[in-house]
Protein backbone atom coordinates (compact mmCIF):
# COMPACT_ATOMS: atom_id res chain seq x y z
CA MET A 1 15.14 5.42 19.52
CA LEU A 2 13.11 5.79 16.34
CA THR A 3 14.34 4.50 13.02
CA GLY A 4 12.73 4.89 9.65
CA GLU A 5 13.11 4.78 5.95
CA LEU A 6 12.29 7.43 3.43
CA LEU A 7 11.32 6.00 0.07
CA GLU A 8 10.57 8.03 -2.99
CA ALA A 9 7.26 7.27 -4.67
CA GLU A 10 9.08 5.81 -7.68
CA ALA A 11 11.69 3.86 -5.69
CA GLU A 12 12.02 0.17 -6.47
CA MET A 13 13.33 -2.64 -4.31
CA SER A 14 14.21 -6.29 -4.73
CA LEU A 15 12.51 -9.19 -2.98
CA ALA A 16 15.36 -9.36 -0.47
CA GLN A 17 15.11 -5.63 0.25
CA LEU A 18 11.35 -5.84 0.75
CA CYS A 19 11.81 -8.84 3.07
CA ARG A 20 14.31 -6.89 5.18
CA ALA A 21 12.19 -3.74 5.27
CA CYS A 22 9.10 -5.69 6.38
CA LYS A 23 10.87 -8.31 8.49
CA LEU A 24 9.16 -11.11 6.55
CA SER A 25 10.47 -14.23 4.87
CA GLU A 26 10.54 -14.68 1.10
CA ALA A 27 7.78 -17.29 1.44
CA GLU A 28 5.56 -14.76 3.23
CA ILE A 29 6.14 -12.16 0.52
CA VAL A 30 5.44 -14.75 -2.19
CA ASN A 31 2.15 -15.54 -0.42
CA LEU A 32 1.22 -11.84 -0.48
CA VAL A 33 1.98 -11.76 -4.20
CA GLU A 34 -0.17 -14.84 -4.75
CA GLU A 35 -3.03 -13.23 -2.81
CA GLY A 36 -2.79 -10.08 -4.97
CA ILE A 37 -1.76 -7.79 -2.12
CA ILE A 38 1.39 -6.73 -3.94
CA ASP A 39 2.24 -6.91 -7.61
CA PRO A 40 5.92 -7.26 -8.49
CA MET A 41 7.50 -6.36 -11.79
CA GLY A 42 9.27 -9.36 -13.29
CA HIS A 43 8.35 -12.91 -14.10
CA LYS A 44 10.03 -14.80 -11.25
CA PRO A 45 11.08 -14.06 -7.66
CA GLU A 46 14.78 -13.83 -8.51
CA VAL A 47 14.16 -10.75 -10.67
CA TRP A 48 11.10 -9.26 -8.94
CA ARG A 49 11.13 -5.51 -8.34
CA PHE A 50 8.61 -3.84 -6.05
CA GLN A 51 7.46 -0.24 -6.04
CA SER A 52 7.39 1.65 -2.75
CA ILE A 53 3.59 1.23 -2.55
CA SER A 54 4.27 -2.49 -1.99
CA LEU A 55 6.10 -1.69 1.24
CA ARG A 56 3.11 0.33 2.46
CA ARG A 57 0.65 -2.43 1.48
CA VAL A 58 2.72 -5.13 3.21
CA ARG A 59 3.01 -3.08 6.40
CA ILE A 60 -0.73 -2.37 6.48
CA THR A 61 -1.42 -6.07 5.86
CA CYS A 62 0.85 -7.06 8.76
CA ASN A 63 -0.90 -4.56 11.03
CA LEU A 64 -4.34 -5.88 10.05
CA GLN A 65 -3.23 -9.45 10.67
CA GLN A 66 -1.45 -8.82 13.96
CA GLU A 67 -3.80 -6.29 15.53
CA LEU A 68 -7.16 -7.45 14.20
CA GLY A 69 -6.58 -11.08 13.28
CA VAL A 70 -7.56 -10.46 9.66
CA ASN A 71 -6.63 -13.28 7.27
CA THR A 72 -4.69 -12.57 4.07
CA PRO A 73 -7.69 -12.49 1.70
CA GLY A 74 -9.49 -10.21 4.16
CA ALA A 75 -6.46 -7.92 4.28
CA ALA A 76 -6.43 -7.77 0.47
CA LEU A 77 -10.07 -6.69 0.48
CA ALA A 78 -9.46 -4.14 3.26
CA LEU A 79 -6.50 -2.67 1.34
CA ASP A 80 -8.58 -2.29 -1.80
CA LEU A 81 -11.36 -0.57 0.15
CA LEU A 82 -8.91 1.72 1.97
CA GLU A 83 -7.33 2.76 -1.32
CA GLU A 84 -10.76 3.39 -2.85
CA LEU A 85 -11.70 5.51 0.17
CA GLU A 86 -8.47 7.50 -0.18
CA GLU A 87 -9.18 8.07 -3.89
CA LEU A 88 -12.74 9.23 -3.17
CA ARG A 89 -11.53 11.64 -0.49
CA THR A 90 -9.00 13.08 -2.92
CA ARG A 91 -11.72 13.56 -5.54
CA LEU A 92 -13.99 15.19 -2.96
CA ARG A 93 -11.26 17.65 -1.91
CA ARG A 94 -10.67 18.50 -5.57
CA LEU A 95 -14.40 19.09 -6.15
CA GLU A 96 -14.64 21.22 -3.00
CA SER A 97 -11.71 23.33 -4.20
CA GLN A 98 -13.37 23.79 -7.58
CA THR A 99 -16.68 24.71 -5.95
CA ILE A 100 -15.00 27.27 -3.71
CA ALA A 101 -13.18 28.73 -6.73
CA ILE A 102 -16.45 29.04 -8.67
CA THR A 103 -18.90 30.09 -5.96
CA GLY A 104 -16.71 31.38 -3.16
CA ASN A 105 -18.61 29.12 -0.73
CA ARG A 106 -17.68 25.83 0.95
CA LEU A 107 -19.83 22.74 0.65
CA ASP A 108 -21.23 21.90 4.08
């Protein structure tokens, strides 16, 4: 049976909620914060709030570590590069749409 969670882009969660969603300990989440993988709102763990993007970043980090043996700093770098790639692809699609609108032809 499949289970899943649907989180709105602006949804926030506590440290405990993020731990449950990712099946990680508080110490593991704190380590990810220290490595810059996720960035909580708040000045101490007791009041930290995480945006839904944190859940995605933690899950990708876990996959990189478990499936590829990537260490935490390496996962942080990979996440940054993946996000940059996603941003560039979005910009390219936007430019292609504008080019099609102006010229009527696709870029190929």
